Amino acid sequence: MTTLELVLGMLAEATTTELTRVHDAQGFDQNKDAARRGGEIAGNARRAIEADTEKPVITAENATDFSKLITKVVDETNN
């Protein structure tokens, strides 16, 4: 999992949470709609990044060792 994959996942989750709060989502259907919209927003960001960089954001890299992933993100941020 790359830094961008992690960040885009976090973007989807944070956006979904915000949409749920702002629109006062109640029940399964409203929450499902907020989740779908949050994922769509992150998907749009992914496609924009891929269009600009001309390379895929999603990789086959696995995030089985989360501590290594966090270390990688911190290292990339500091450089």
C-alpha atoms as a PDB file:
ATOM      1  CA  MET A   1       0.000   0.000   0.000  1.00  0.00           C
ATOM      2  CA  THR A   2       1.408   3.370  -0.957  1.00  0.00           C
ATOM      3  CA  THR A   3       1.120   6.633   0.912  1.00  0.00           C
ATOM      4  CA  LEU A   4      -1.443   7.865  -1.595  1.00  0.00           C
ATOM      5  CA  GLU A   5      -3.545   4.724  -1.162  1.00  0.00           C
ATOM      6  CA  LEU A   6      -3.556   5.247   2.590  1.00  0.00           C
ATOM      7  CA  VAL A   7      -4.367   8.939   2.331  1.00  0.00           C
ATOM      8  CA  LEU A   8      -7.152   8.410  -0.200  1.00  0.00           C
ATOM      9  CA  GLY A   9      -8.697   5.777   2.069  1.00  0.00           C
ATOM     10  CA  MET A  10      -8.547   8.252   4.929  1.00  0.00           C
ATOM     11  CA  LEU A  11     -10.065  10.941   2.671  1.00  0.00           C
ATOM     12  CA  ALA A  12     -12.976   8.644   1.845  1.00  0.00           C
ATOM     13  CA  GLU A  13     -13.571   7.880   5.526  1.00  0.00           C
ATOM     14  CA  ALA A  14     -13.258  11.489   6.709  1.00  0.00           C
ATOM     15  CA  THR A  15     -15.504  12.742   3.903  1.00  0.00           C
ATOM     16  CA  THR A  16     -18.111  10.101   4.678  1.00  0.00           C
ATOM     17  CA  THR A  17     -18.060  11.073   8.356  1.00  0.00           C
ATOM     18  CA  GLU A  18     -18.451  14.753   7.507  1.00  0.00           C
ATOM     19  CA  LEU A  19     -21.294  14.104   5.051  1.00  0.00           C
ATOM     20  CA  THR A  20     -23.052  11.985   7.664  1.00  0.00           C
ATOM     21  CA  ARG A  21     -22.796  14.805  10.208  1.00  0.00           C
ATOM     22  CA  VAL A  22     -23.700  17.672   7.874  1.00  0.00           C
ATOM     23  CA  HIS A  23     -26.705  15.881   6.390  1.00  0.00           C
ATOM     24  CA  ASP A  24     -27.709  14.285   9.720  1.00  0.00           C
ATOM     25  CA  ALA A  25     -27.840  10.840   8.120  1.00  0.00           C
ATOM     26  CA  GLN A  26     -30.237   8.538   9.928  1.00  0.00           C
ATOM     27  CA  GLY A  27     -30.627   4.836   9.234  1.00  0.00           C
ATOM     28  CA  PHE A  28     -28.929   2.458   6.874  1.00  0.00           C
ATOM     29  CA  ASP A  29     -29.968   3.978   3.536  1.00  0.00           C
ATOM     30  CA  GLN A  30     -28.889   7.537   4.369  1.00  0.00           C
ATOM     31  CA  ASN A  31     -25.576   6.324   5.798  1.00  0.00           C
ATOM     32  CA  LYS A  32     -25.024   4.097   2.759  1.00  0.00           C
ATOM     33  CA  ASP A  33     -25.598   7.125   0.512  1.00  0.00           C
ATOM     34  CA  ALA A  34     -23.076   9.189   2.504  1.00  0.00           C
ATOM     35  CA  ALA A  35     -20.525   6.374   2.223  1.00  0.00           C
ATOM     36  CA  ARG A  36     -21.080   6.103  -1.510  1.00  0.00           C
ATOM     37  CA  ARG A  37     -20.603   9.876  -1.946  1.00  0.00           C
ATOM     38  CA  GLY A  38     -17.489   9.857   0.265  1.00  0.00           C
ATOM     39  CA  GLY A  39     -15.993   7.063  -1.818  1.00  0.00           C
ATOM     40  CA  GLU A  40     -16.890   8.870  -5.021  1.00  0.00           C
ATOM     41  CA  ILE A  41     -15.092  12.020  -3.852  1.00  0.00           C
ATOM     42  CA  ALA A  42     -11.948  10.026  -3.000  1.00  0.00           C
ATOM     43  CA  GLY A  43     -12.254   8.178  -6.317  1.00  0.00           C
ATOM     44  CA  ASN A  44     -12.387  11.484  -8.170  1.00  0.00           C
ATOM     45  CA  ALA A  45      -9.240  12.600  -6.335  1.00  0.00           C
ATOM     46  CA  ARG A  46      -7.518   9.326  -7.269  1.00  0.00           C
ATOM     47  CA  ARG A  47      -8.415   9.710 -10.940  1.00  0.00           C
ATOM     48  CA  ALA A  48      -7.179  13.331 -10.943  1.00  0.00           C
ATOM     49  CA  ILE A  49      -3.845  12.271  -9.416  1.00  0.00           C
ATOM     50  CA  GLU A  50      -3.480   9.439 -11.916  1.00  0.00           C
ATOM     51  CA  ALA A  51      -4.273  11.767 -14.830  1.00  0.00           C
ATOM     52  CA  ASP A  52      -1.653  14.279 -13.699  1.00  0.00           C
ATOM     53  CA  THR A  53       1.097  11.787 -12.804  1.00  0.00           C
ATOM     54  CA  GLU A  54       0.262   9.336 -15.600  1.00  0.00           C
ATOM     55  CA  LYS A  55       0.765   6.400 -13.260  1.00  0.00           C
ATOM     56  CA  PRO A  56      -1.620   4.327 -11.140  1.00  0.00           C
ATOM     57  CA  VAL A  57      -2.174   5.148  -7.489  1.00  0.00           C
ATOM     58  CA  ILE A  58      -3.349   1.637  -6.586  1.00  0.00           C
ATOM     59  CA  THR A  59      -0.601  -0.981  -6.321  1.00  0.00           C
ATOM     60  CA  ALA A  60      -0.287  -4.645  -5.471  1.00  0.00           C
ATOM     61  CA  GLU A  61       1.765  -3.669  -2.424  1.00  0.00           C
ATOM     62  CA  ASN A  62       0.289  -5.157   0.741  1.00  0.00           C
ATOM     63  CA  ALA A  63      -0.117  -3.315   4.043  1.00  0.00           C
ATOM     64  CA  THR A  64       0.225  -6.385   6.254  1.00  0.00           C
ATOM     65  CA  ASP A  65       2.761  -4.667   8.485  1.00  0.00           C
ATOM     66  CA  PHE A  66       1.033  -1.426   9.400  1.00  0.00           C
ATOM     67  CA  SER A  67       3.979  -0.115  11.442  1.00  0.00           C
ATOM     68  CA  LYS A  68       6.234  -0.273   8.363  1.00  0.00           C
ATOM     69  CA  LEU A  69       3.593   1.598   6.364  1.00  0.00           C
ATOM     70  CA  ILE A  70       3.369   4.359   8.979  1.00  0.00           C
ATOM     71  CA  THR A  71       7.167   4.620   9.083  1.00  0.00           C
ATOM     72  CA  LYS A  72       7.202   4.884   5.286  1.00  0.00           C
ATOM     73  CA  VAL A  73       4.584   7.671   5.357  1.00  0.00           C
ATOM     74  CA  VAL A  74       6.539   9.603   8.000  1.00  0.00           C
ATOM     75  CA  ASP A  75       9.795   9.182   6.064  1.00  0.00           C
ATOM     76  CA  GLU A  76       8.192  10.365   2.827  1.00  0.00           C
ATOM     77  CA  THR A  77       6.672  13.363   4.589  1.00  0.00           C
ATOM     78  CA  ASN A  78      10.011  14.387   6.080  1.00  0.00           C
ATOM     79  CA  ASN A  79      11.822  14.286   2.733  1.00  0.00           C
END
